[in-house]
Amino acid sequence: MTSSLDYSNWQEGREFKTESLDADGSTVLRRVENTWEQGATVTSWLSSHDAANNPRVNQTVSTLVDTNQVTKQTFNFDSYNNTTDVYEYDFGSGAAARWCGIR
């Protein structure tokens, strides 16, 4: 049983997948998938309730569906939830290709 004081699951309401459609409304042109993670635990009480602890996207994979070209970005964070590194990967066929840089 849940009460009005309970926290929702930290993954609830997060955008995991976005698809861009063609003008026909059914053909998927591009798909973006986000992988979320919890940040550092703020208090042990919150972690025992499966509450959100600075949720953030740690990977984004983008696919051009018609050509099956895939690219991705991965993100690293410091203990204050600031982005410290962004790793970018080239487009590859079916999977992201080689690492092409950090910004």
Protein backbone atom coordinates (compact mmCIF):
# COMPACT_ATOMS: atom_id res chain seq x y z
CA MET A 1 0.00 0.00 0.00
CA THR A 2 1.29 3.46 -0.84
CA SER A 3 0.55 6.71 0.91
CA SER A 4 0.60 10.30 -0.28
CA LEU A 5 4.00 10.65 1.44
CA ASP A 6 5.68 7.96 -0.70
CA TYR A 7 8.10 8.92 -3.46
CA SER A 8 7.53 7.68 -6.99
CA ASN A 9 10.17 5.40 -8.47
CA TRP A 10 13.16 7.47 -9.63
CA GLN A 11 12.72 6.20 -13.22
CA GLU A 12 9.10 7.29 -13.44
CA GLY A 13 8.51 10.17 -15.86
CA ARG A 14 11.95 9.97 -17.50
CA GLU A 15 12.23 10.10 -21.28
CA PHE A 16 13.91 6.85 -22.35
CA LYS A 17 13.10 6.84 -26.07
CA THR A 18 12.11 9.47 -28.62
CA GLU A 19 11.15 8.69 -32.21
CA SER A 20 10.86 11.23 -35.01
CA LEU A 21 8.28 10.24 -37.62
CA ASP A 22 7.92 10.93 -41.32
CA ALA A 23 5.00 13.05 -42.54
CA ASP A 24 2.96 9.83 -42.97
CA GLY A 25 2.88 9.55 -39.16
CA SER A 26 4.06 5.94 -38.97
CA THR A 27 7.54 5.68 -40.55
CA VAL A 28 10.28 6.16 -37.95
CA LEU A 29 13.11 8.31 -39.32
CA ARG A 30 15.24 8.77 -36.19
CA ARG A 31 15.32 7.13 -32.78
CA VAL A 32 17.11 8.53 -29.70
CA GLU A 33 17.46 6.30 -26.62
CA ASN A 34 18.65 7.63 -23.27
CA THR A 35 20.14 5.54 -20.46
CA TRP A 36 19.51 7.03 -17.02
CA GLU A 37 21.37 6.50 -13.77
CA GLN A 38 21.05 7.67 -10.19
CA GLY A 39 23.53 10.26 -8.95
CA ALA A 40 25.14 10.20 -5.52
CA THR A 41 22.83 9.35 -2.65
CA VAL A 42 21.80 12.49 -0.82
CA THR A 43 20.64 10.71 2.34
CA SER A 44 20.29 7.06 3.27
CA TRP A 45 16.62 7.68 4.03
CA LEU A 46 15.91 8.61 0.39
CA SER A 47 17.74 5.56 -0.95
CA SER A 48 15.61 3.28 1.21
CA HIS A 49 12.50 4.73 -0.47
CA ASP A 50 13.74 4.38 -4.09
CA ALA A 51 13.49 8.15 -4.44
CA ALA A 52 15.31 10.22 -7.04
CA ASN A 53 18.95 11.08 -6.27
CA ASN A 54 19.92 13.50 -9.02
CA PRO A 55 18.92 11.25 -11.96
CA ARG A 56 20.92 11.96 -15.11
CA VAL A 57 21.44 10.64 -18.61
CA ASN A 58 24.76 8.77 -18.85
CA GLN A 59 24.40 7.60 -22.47
CA THR A 60 22.48 8.70 -25.55
CA VAL A 61 22.25 6.47 -28.63
CA SER A 62 20.88 7.99 -31.86
CA THR A 63 19.84 5.86 -34.83
CA LEU A 64 18.98 6.98 -38.37
CA VAL A 65 16.49 4.19 -38.95
CA ASP A 66 16.39 4.18 -42.77
CA THR A 67 20.17 3.64 -43.06
CA ASN A 68 20.74 1.89 -39.69
CA GLN A 69 23.48 4.41 -38.86
CA VAL A 70 24.13 4.64 -35.12
CA THR A 71 26.06 7.20 -33.05
CA LYS A 72 26.32 7.66 -29.31
CA GLN A 73 27.49 9.97 -26.57
CA THR A 74 28.49 8.93 -23.05
CA PHE A 75 28.70 11.29 -20.08
CA ASN A 76 30.70 11.34 -16.84
CA PHE A 77 29.80 13.44 -13.80
CA ASP A 78 31.45 14.73 -10.65
CA SER A 79 30.01 14.35 -7.14
CA TYR A 80 28.00 17.56 -7.62
CA ASN A 81 26.24 16.22 -10.74
CA ASN A 82 28.24 18.45 -13.11
CA THR A 83 29.15 16.95 -16.47
CA THR A 84 32.92 16.42 -16.52
CA ASP A 85 33.39 14.47 -19.78
CA VAL A 86 31.39 13.86 -22.94
CA TYR A 87 32.64 11.04 -25.18
CA GLU A 88 31.34 11.15 -28.76
CA TYR A 89 31.35 8.23 -31.19
CA ASP A 90 31.10 8.32 -35.00
CA PHE A 91 28.17 6.88 -36.93
CA GLY A 92 28.54 3.19 -37.66
CA SER A 93 26.40 0.57 -39.35
CA GLY A 94 24.20 -1.06 -36.70
CA ALA A 95 26.38 0.16 -33.81
CA ALA A 96 28.35 3.27 -32.94
CA ALA A 97 31.78 3.30 -34.55
CA ARG A 98 35.09 4.43 -33.15
CA TRP A 99 35.46 7.03 -30.46
CA CYS A 100 36.03 10.39 -32.13
CA GLY A 101 36.60 12.83 -29.30
CA ILE A 102 35.94 14.26 -25.93
CA ARG A 103 34.57 17.66 -25.16
